[in-house]
Amino acid sequence: MPSGPREITTHFRPIPLDVPDGMKPNEFFNSAENLNDLIYNNGLLQNPEGLLLYRKAIGHSNLFDASIIYNTSQSVLDPLGRPVRRTQVPKSVKNVWNRMNQILFDYMLECYPDPEKHLVLAGEASLDATWPLTSPGVPSIRMLHNHFIVFDKEELRAAPLADAANPNLTDGGQHSLFQANMRDLYRAFFAGLDLSILQPCQSGSCRIALTGYPQGLPSWEIQGGETALRDPRFWKEYDTLLKGFIDFYRSFFSQVSTRNAPLPNDLNFPQLVEDKLQFNNDFLKTAKMVRDRCIKDAKYANAIRWQPAFKQLIYRNDAGNLIVTISQNSIGNAITELLGVVVKRIPDAEAYARAEPALIEKLLTVRQRLIEADLGEGIATPSWAAV
């Protein structure tokens, strides 16, 4: 069987929401009105910290698919002012969020223990505040949110190969600026971070054989597997990776924007940036290449995400090990496409109804575990009770 990205079909029930005249759908989806619909029709659990667990109405997988969103729609009305990455979340909120992540991931591994049968992943995406809401690739809900997804590998094997030129398959040497031009430097920079639970993967060991993804991205094995997810140290290291990525990204695009720019303010690791990047010829040569193209190519310049934008994943590889990877997301890709899974969503209420009972049963079971761990209260919807 050839290895390559797969395109699967996922059915959903059409959402009876009317987008007001003059608004584009993803503008409306960022509104408080739409978030209310998400809560009352698909909400599973919420807590005083503002974290909302909900069923994905238009999801990636009908086997298991849920999200946690940091719902600031009522308290921060400016969509560009809402937290969009872990580093912008108050510590008290993040502590609760990490515990919710751990319980959900643990439940997915319990329900789907065989890595040969199921692809299990959890991940989050960040947005760039300079990226227009109406541009392609911008998630429809512009707030920090996680995805918890399981795919049936038998379904993936039966699915047709996706178009390898799909611009959303933006990892590794295909489209990534960092990987293509500064691969060794990028990895050396990450090697300067203080990590113990997260250890760099051996070449090729993180890849899903069926899809061949992720391609070329720096990846780390979680020493201790699922047990490590209960250790606060793991979540600190998970944040450390993100902080390092943000420093690299900001430092690079500041040089793209302004020749010989000073170090950005408020770096997480200023000494590491100064030692590894400020005088590195590959780093500055690549910045010049991008800057020169921006000056000459308006379309290319408009596509640049000037502030950090990324996808960060925890997933299980073919050997059953838990892996963390992070993308350099200068173009834009869905969370699943980092692992080579392209989802084609088709409205079909009858097909969705056949899968819905088993999906809801699992979502309500994991909700109960969160309630028992004092991580929130259940939400009643037309489809399920609050308890």
Protein backbone atom coordinates (compact mmCIF):
# COMPACT_ATOMS: atom_id res chain seq x y z
CA MET A 1 0.00 0.00 0.00
CA PRO A 2 1.50 3.38 -1.00
CA SER A 3 2.27 5.87 1.75
CA GLY A 4 0.83 9.34 1.32
CA PRO A 5 -1.69 11.83 2.68
CA ARG A 6 -5.27 10.55 2.69
CA GLU A 7 -8.51 12.40 2.02
CA ILE A 8 -11.39 11.07 4.06
CA THR A 9 -15.06 12.03 3.93
CA THR A 10 -16.83 13.11 7.12
CA HIS A 11 -20.58 13.71 7.21
CA PHE A 12 -22.27 16.35 9.32
CA ARG A 13 -25.75 17.59 10.07
CA PRO A 14 -26.34 20.99 8.43
CA ILE A 15 -26.42 23.76 11.02
CA PRO A 16 -29.63 25.84 10.93
CA LEU A 17 -27.89 29.19 11.36
CA ASP A 18 -28.60 32.17 9.18
CA VAL A 19 -25.60 34.37 8.50
CA PRO A 20 -26.74 38.02 8.44
CA ASP A 21 -26.65 39.79 5.10
CA GLY A 22 -23.34 41.47 4.48
CA MET A 23 -21.32 39.14 6.73
CA LYS A 24 -19.03 36.36 5.61
CA PRO A 25 -19.54 33.04 7.44
CA ASN A 26 -16.25 33.13 9.36
CA GLU A 27 -17.00 36.69 10.48
CA PHE A 28 -20.32 35.52 11.92
CA PHE A 29 -18.78 32.41 13.50
CA ASN A 30 -16.61 34.71 15.64
CA SER A 31 -19.62 36.53 17.05
CA ALA A 32 -21.08 36.14 20.53
CA GLU A 33 -24.37 35.11 18.86
CA ASN A 34 -22.77 32.08 17.21
CA LEU A 35 -20.91 31.11 20.38
CA ASN A 36 -24.26 31.05 22.21
CA ASP A 37 -25.53 28.57 19.63
CA LEU A 38 -22.39 26.48 20.10
CA ILE A 39 -23.01 26.35 23.86
CA TYR A 40 -26.73 25.61 23.85
CA ASN A 41 -26.81 23.18 20.94
CA ASN A 42 -23.41 21.48 21.24
CA GLY A 43 -22.01 22.42 24.65
CA LEU A 44 -21.02 19.58 26.96
CA LEU A 45 -19.36 21.26 29.95
CA GLN A 46 -18.19 24.68 31.09
CA ASN A 47 -16.39 26.00 34.14
CA PRO A 48 -15.80 29.32 35.94
CA GLU A 49 -12.43 29.67 34.18
CA GLY A 50 -14.27 30.19 30.88
CA LEU A 51 -13.31 26.84 29.34
CA LEU A 52 -16.02 25.20 27.26
CA LEU A 53 -16.02 21.56 26.11
CA TYR A 54 -18.25 21.03 23.08
CA ARG A 55 -19.10 18.60 20.33
CA LYS A 56 -17.79 19.61 16.93
CA ALA A 57 -20.95 20.17 14.88
CA ILE A 58 -18.90 20.20 11.68
CA GLY A 59 -16.14 17.90 12.74
CA HIS A 60 -13.09 16.07 11.54
CA SER A 61 -14.16 12.59 12.65
CA ASN A 62 -17.44 11.03 13.72
CA LEU A 63 -15.58 8.41 15.74
CA PHE A 64 -14.38 10.86 18.41
CA ASP A 65 -14.21 14.62 17.98
CA ALA A 66 -14.46 17.36 20.58
CA SER A 67 -12.90 20.70 21.41
CA ILE A 68 -12.15 22.86 24.41
CA ILE A 69 -12.35 26.57 23.73
CA TYR A 70 -11.27 29.41 25.98
CA ASN A 71 -14.54 31.24 25.51
CA THR A 72 -13.84 34.95 25.80
CA SER A 73 -16.60 35.93 23.40
CA GLN A 74 -18.58 37.74 26.11
CA SER A 75 -15.64 39.40 27.89
CA VAL A 76 -13.47 40.38 24.90
CA LEU A 77 -15.65 41.60 22.05
CA ASP A 78 -12.72 42.53 19.79
CA PRO A 79 -11.87 39.26 17.98
CA LEU A 80 -8.28 40.46 17.53
CA GLY A 81 -7.95 41.02 21.28
CA ARG A 82 -8.80 37.48 22.35
CA PRO A 83 -6.15 35.01 23.56
CA VAL A 84 -5.01 32.81 20.69
CA ARG A 85 -2.13 30.84 22.23
CA ARG A 86 -1.25 29.10 25.50
CA THR A 87 1.22 31.80 26.50
CA GLN A 88 -1.63 34.36 26.64
CA VAL A 89 -3.76 32.34 29.07
CA PRO A 90 -3.77 33.19 32.81
CA LYS A 91 -1.91 30.59 34.88
CA SER A 92 -5.01 29.59 36.85
CA VAL A 93 -6.92 28.95 33.62
CA LYS A 94 -4.03 27.05 32.07
CA ASN A 95 -3.74 24.74 35.08
CA VAL A 96 -7.39 23.74 34.66
CA TRP A 97 -7.01 23.48 30.89
CA ASN A 98 -3.99 21.17 31.21
CA ARG A 99 -5.90 18.85 33.54
CA MET A 100 -8.81 18.73 31.09
CA ASN A 101 -6.38 17.93 28.28
CA GLN A 102 -4.86 15.10 30.28
CA ILE A 103 -8.21 13.49 31.14
CA LEU A 104 -9.48 13.71 27.56
CA PHE A 105 -6.30 12.28 26.06
CA ASP A 106 -6.20 9.51 28.66
CA TYR A 107 -9.81 8.61 27.80
CA MET A 108 -9.05 8.45 24.07
CA LEU A 109 -6.13 6.10 24.70
CA GLU A 110 -8.35 3.94 26.94
CA CYS A 111 -11.07 3.67 24.27
CA TYR A 112 -8.64 3.22 21.39
CA PRO A 113 -5.60 1.33 22.79
CA ASP A 114 -4.24 -0.16 19.55
CA PRO A 115 -1.98 2.15 17.49
CA GLU A 116 -2.42 -0.12 14.47
CA LYS A 117 -6.18 0.48 14.48
CA HIS A 118 -6.56 4.13 15.44
CA LEU A 119 -4.77 7.46 15.02
CA VAL A 120 -5.18 9.47 18.22
CA LEU A 121 -4.29 13.16 18.44
CA ALA A 122 -4.87 16.32 20.42
CA GLY A 123 -3.68 19.70 19.34
CA GLU A 124 -4.15 23.41 19.31
CA ALA A 125 -3.78 26.17 16.81
CA SER A 126 -2.65 29.76 17.07
CA LEU A 127 -3.70 32.66 14.93
CA ASP A 128 -1.87 35.75 13.81
CA ALA A 129 -3.55 39.04 14.76
CA THR A 130 -2.41 40.54 11.45
CA TRP A 131 -4.22 37.85 9.45
CA PRO A 132 -7.58 39.19 8.18
CA LEU A 133 -10.65 37.38 9.43
CA THR A 134 -11.90 36.87 5.90
CA SER A 135 -8.69 35.32 4.55
CA PRO A 136 -8.46 31.62 3.68
CA GLY A 137 -6.94 29.43 6.37
CA VAL A 138 -8.28 31.42 9.33
CA PRO A 139 -10.27 29.17 11.69
CA SER A 140 -13.89 30.13 11.98
CA ILE A 141 -13.75 30.67 15.74
CA ARG A 142 -10.94 33.08 16.50
CA MET A 143 -10.26 32.01 20.06
CA LEU A 144 -7.79 29.59 21.56
CA HIS A 145 -9.16 26.08 21.24
CA ASN A 146 -8.01 22.47 21.36
CA HIS A 147 -9.02 19.53 19.20
CA PHE A 148 -9.37 15.94 20.40
CA ILE A 149 -9.71 13.56 17.47
CA VAL A 150 -9.56 9.84 16.70
CA PHE A 151 -9.41 8.39 13.17
CA ASP A 152 -10.01 4.78 12.18
CA LYS A 153 -6.87 3.63 10.34
CA GLU A 154 -8.87 1.12 8.32
CA GLU A 155 -10.91 4.05 6.99
CA LEU A 156 -7.69 5.92 6.25
CA ARG A 157 -6.27 2.91 4.38
CA ALA A 158 -9.41 2.73 2.26
CA ALA A 159 -9.42 6.47 1.55
CA PRO A 160 -7.98 7.86 -1.69
CA LEU A 161 -4.64 9.61 -1.67
CA ALA A 162 -4.93 13.36 -1.20
CA ASP A 163 -3.39 15.82 -3.60
CA ALA A 164 0.18 16.16 -2.33
CA ALA A 165 0.24 19.70 -3.75
CA ASN A 166 -2.64 20.76 -1.51
CA PRO A 167 -1.36 24.03 0.04
CA ASN A 168 -2.89 23.02 3.37
CA LEU A 169 -0.38 20.18 3.71
CA THR A 170 2.09 22.72 5.03
CA ASP A 171 4.71 20.79 6.93
CA GLY A 172 8.28 19.83 6.31
CA GLY A 173 10.18 20.60 3.15
CA GLN A 174 7.07 21.07 1.03
CA HIS A 175 6.21 24.58 2.09
CA SER A 176 7.98 25.37 5.36
CA LEU A 177 10.38 28.26 5.18
CA PHE A 178 12.29 27.20 8.28
CA GLN A 179 12.64 23.58 7.25
CA ALA A 180 13.68 24.34 3.70
CA ASN A 181 16.29 27.00 4.47
CA MET A 182 17.34 26.75 8.13
CA ARG A 183 16.72 23.15 9.10
CA ASP A 184 19.92 22.60 11.11
CA LEU A 185 19.72 25.99 12.79
CA TYR A 186 16.06 25.47 13.68
CA ARG A 187 16.86 22.19 15.44
CA ALA A 188 19.95 23.59 17.14
CA PHE A 189 17.81 26.40 18.54
CA PHE A 190 15.30 23.95 20.03
CA ALA A 191 18.20 21.89 21.41
CA GLY A 192 19.09 24.89 23.57
CA LEU A 193 15.82 24.62 25.52
CA ASP A 194 15.66 23.01 28.96
CA LEU A 195 13.80 19.74 28.32
CA SER A 196 13.92 16.40 30.11
CA ILE A 197 10.56 14.66 29.60
CA LEU A 198 10.53 15.67 25.94
CA GLN A 199 13.36 14.01 24.02
CA PRO A 200 14.08 14.57 20.29
CA CYS A 201 12.74 11.77 18.10
CA GLN A 202 15.11 9.64 16.11
CA SER A 203 14.85 10.29 12.39
CA GLY A 204 11.66 8.79 10.95
CA SER A 205 10.41 7.33 14.23
CA CYS A 206 7.66 9.91 14.66
CA ARG A 207 6.16 9.42 11.21
CA ILE A 208 2.82 7.70 10.58
CA ALA A 209 3.73 5.08 7.95
CA LEU A 210 0.29 5.15 6.32
CA THR A 211 0.43 8.88 5.48
CA GLY A 212 4.15 9.62 5.65
CA TYR A 213 3.48 12.55 7.98
CA PRO A 214 4.62 14.62 9.75
CA GLN A 215 7.35 15.47 7.26
CA GLY A 216 10.53 17.07 8.48
CA LEU A 217 9.11 18.80 11.53
CA PRO A 218 11.05 18.77 14.79
CA SER A 219 9.35 16.22 17.04
CA TRP A 220 9.85 14.98 20.58
CA GLU A 221 8.91 11.70 22.27
CA ILE A 222 7.16 12.02 25.63
CA GLN A 223 9.27 9.97 28.05
CA GLY A 224 6.85 8.06 30.27
CA GLY A 225 4.00 8.15 27.77
CA GLU A 226 0.51 8.85 29.08
CA THR A 227 1.74 8.81 32.69
CA ALA A 228 3.85 11.88 31.94
CA LEU A 229 0.71 13.82 31.00
CA ARG A 230 -0.20 13.80 34.69
CA ASP A 231 3.11 15.48 35.56
CA PRO A 232 3.04 19.31 35.70
CA ARG A 233 6.61 19.26 34.41
CA PHE A 234 5.39 17.89 31.07
CA TRP A 235 3.02 20.81 30.56
CA LYS A 236 5.78 23.26 31.45
CA GLU A 237 7.98 21.67 28.79
CA TYR A 238 5.08 21.72 26.32
CA ASP A 239 4.93 25.47 26.95
CA THR A 240 8.71 25.77 26.68
CA LEU A 241 8.60 24.38 23.13
CA LEU A 242 5.95 26.92 22.22
CA LYS A 243 7.85 29.80 23.82
CA GLY A 244 10.99 28.80 21.93
CA PHE A 245 9.08 28.62 18.68
CA ILE A 246 7.56 32.05 19.28
CA ASP A 247 11.02 33.54 19.92
CA PHE A 248 12.38 32.03 16.71
CA TYR A 249 9.39 33.13 14.64
CA ARG A 250 9.28 36.69 16.00
CA SER A 251 13.04 37.11 15.64
CA PHE A 252 12.98 35.92 12.06
CA PHE A 253 10.06 38.00 10.84
CA SER A 254 11.36 41.10 12.60
CA GLN A 255 14.46 40.72 10.39
CA VAL A 256 12.24 40.18 7.35
CA SER A 257 10.32 43.35 8.17
CA THR A 258 13.32 45.56 8.98
CA ARG A 259 16.91 44.95 7.93
CA ASN A 260 19.30 44.61 10.88
CA ALA A 261 16.39 44.88 13.34
CA PRO A 262 17.13 44.77 17.06
CA LEU A 263 16.00 41.80 19.11
CA PRO A 264 12.24 41.85 19.73
CA ASN A 265 11.06 43.01 23.11
CA ASP A 266 9.93 40.53 25.77
CA LEU A 267 11.67 37.46 24.39
CA ASN A 268 11.27 34.29 26.43
CA PHE A 269 14.89 33.24 25.86
CA PRO A 270 16.84 36.38 24.87
CA GLN A 271 20.28 34.86 25.45
CA LEU A 272 19.47 31.85 23.28
CA VAL A 273 18.22 34.15 20.49
CA GLU A 274 21.34 36.30 20.72
CA ASP A 275 23.71 33.32 20.77
CA LYS A 276 22.07 31.26 18.03
CA LEU A 277 20.29 33.69 15.70
CA GLN A 278 21.46 37.29 15.79
CA PHE A 279 24.71 36.66 13.88
CA ASN A 280 23.79 33.49 12.01
CA ASN A 281 24.35 33.88 8.27
CA ASP A 282 21.73 31.33 7.21
CA PHE A 283 19.15 33.06 9.41
CA LEU A 284 19.88 36.53 8.03
CA LYS A 285 20.31 35.33 4.45
CA THR A 286 16.88 33.71 4.53
CA ALA A 287 15.34 36.84 6.05
CA LYS A 288 16.81 38.89 3.19
CA MET A 289 15.41 36.44 0.62
CA VAL A 290 11.90 36.77 2.08
CA ARG A 291 12.19 40.54 2.48
CA ASP A 292 13.30 41.01 -1.14
CA ARG A 293 10.41 38.90 -2.38
CA CYS A 294 7.91 40.83 -0.22
CA ILE A 295 9.06 44.07 -1.81
CA LYS A 296 8.54 42.73 -5.32
CA ASP A 297 5.56 40.39 -4.88
CA ALA A 298 2.45 41.93 -3.32
CA LYS A 299 0.55 38.64 -3.21
CA TYR A 300 3.40 36.90 -1.41
CA ALA A 301 3.77 39.75 1.07
CA ASN A 302 0.05 39.67 1.83
CA ALA A 303 0.25 35.96 2.61
CA ILE A 304 2.92 36.37 5.29
CA ARG A 305 1.82 35.82 8.87
CA TRP A 306 3.93 38.43 10.59
CA GLN A 307 3.20 37.25 14.11
CA PRO A 308 3.57 33.67 15.39
CA ALA A 309 1.08 31.20 13.96
CA PHE A 310 1.43 27.48 14.57
CA LYS A 311 -0.11 24.10 15.17
CA GLN A 312 1.10 22.09 18.19
CA LEU A 313 0.15 18.41 18.50
CA ILE A 314 0.32 15.47 20.85
CA TYR A 315 -0.28 12.23 18.95
CA ARG A 316 0.43 8.51 19.11
CA ASN A 317 2.85 7.09 16.56
CA ASP A 318 2.81 3.62 15.00
CA ALA A 319 4.89 2.17 17.84
CA GLY A 320 2.44 3.44 20.45
CA ASN A 321 4.71 6.23 21.70
CA LEU A 322 3.34 9.70 22.39
CA ILE A 323 4.90 12.42 20.27
CA VAL A 324 4.82 16.22 20.36
CA THR A 325 5.40 18.23 17.20
CA ILE A 326 5.00 21.87 16.23
CA SER A 327 4.53 23.35 12.78
CA GLN A 328 5.92 26.52 11.25
CA ASN A 329 2.59 27.72 9.96
CA SER A 330 3.32 30.56 7.56
CA ILE A 331 0.65 29.47 5.10
CA GLY A 332 -2.10 27.72 7.03
CA ASN A 333 -3.19 24.14 7.56
CA ALA A 334 -5.85 22.23 9.41
CA ILE A 335 -4.81 20.43 12.57
CA THR A 336 -5.23 16.97 11.01
CA GLU A 337 -3.23 17.80 7.90
CA LEU A 338 -0.09 17.99 10.01
CA LEU A 339 -0.43 14.18 10.14
CA GLY A 340 -1.42 13.85 6.50
CA VAL A 341 -5.19 13.56 6.96
CA VAL A 342 -7.27 15.83 4.74
CA VAL A 343 -10.93 15.97 5.77
CA LYS A 344 -13.65 16.50 3.17
CA ARG A 345 -16.83 17.50 5.00
CA ILE A 346 -20.15 16.69 3.35
CA PRO A 347 -23.61 17.60 4.71
CA ASP A 348 -25.61 14.41 5.18
CA ALA A 349 -27.95 14.30 8.19
CA GLU A 350 -28.82 10.62 7.78
CA ALA A 351 -25.20 9.46 7.62
CA TYR A 352 -24.32 11.60 10.62
CA ALA A 353 -27.30 10.23 12.58
CA ARG A 354 -25.96 6.69 12.19
CA ALA A 355 -22.67 7.65 13.85
CA GLU A 356 -24.09 10.10 16.39
CA PRO A 357 -25.25 7.77 19.23
CA ALA A 358 -21.84 6.12 19.72
CA LEU A 359 -20.06 9.48 19.46
CA ILE A 360 -22.34 11.16 22.01
CA GLU A 361 -22.05 8.21 24.40
CA LYS A 362 -18.27 8.65 24.52
CA LEU A 363 -18.45 12.43 24.84
CA LEU A 364 -20.87 12.18 27.76
CA THR A 365 -18.69 9.55 29.44
CA VAL A 366 -15.58 11.71 29.33
CA ARG A 367 -17.67 14.70 30.42
CA GLN A 368 -18.62 12.79 33.58
CA ARG A 369 -14.95 12.19 34.34
CA LEU A 370 -14.28 15.92 34.05
CA ILE A 371 -17.20 16.69 36.36
CA GLU A 372 -15.94 14.20 38.93
CA ALA A 373 -12.51 15.84 38.78
CA ASP A 374 -14.15 19.21 39.62
CA LEU A 375 -13.34 20.61 36.19
CA GLY A 376 -16.78 21.97 35.33
CA GLU A 377 -20.52 21.49 35.23
CA GLY A 378 -22.54 19.75 32.55
CA ILE A 379 -24.56 21.70 29.98
CA ALA A 380 -28.05 20.67 28.87
CA THR A 381 -28.85 20.80 25.16
CA PRO A 382 -31.78 19.49 23.07
CA SER A 383 -29.71 16.30 22.58
CA TRP A 384 -28.56 15.56 26.17
CA ALA A 385 -29.18 16.48 29.80
CA ALA A 386 -26.82 18.39 32.07
CA VAL A 387 -25.98 15.24 34.04
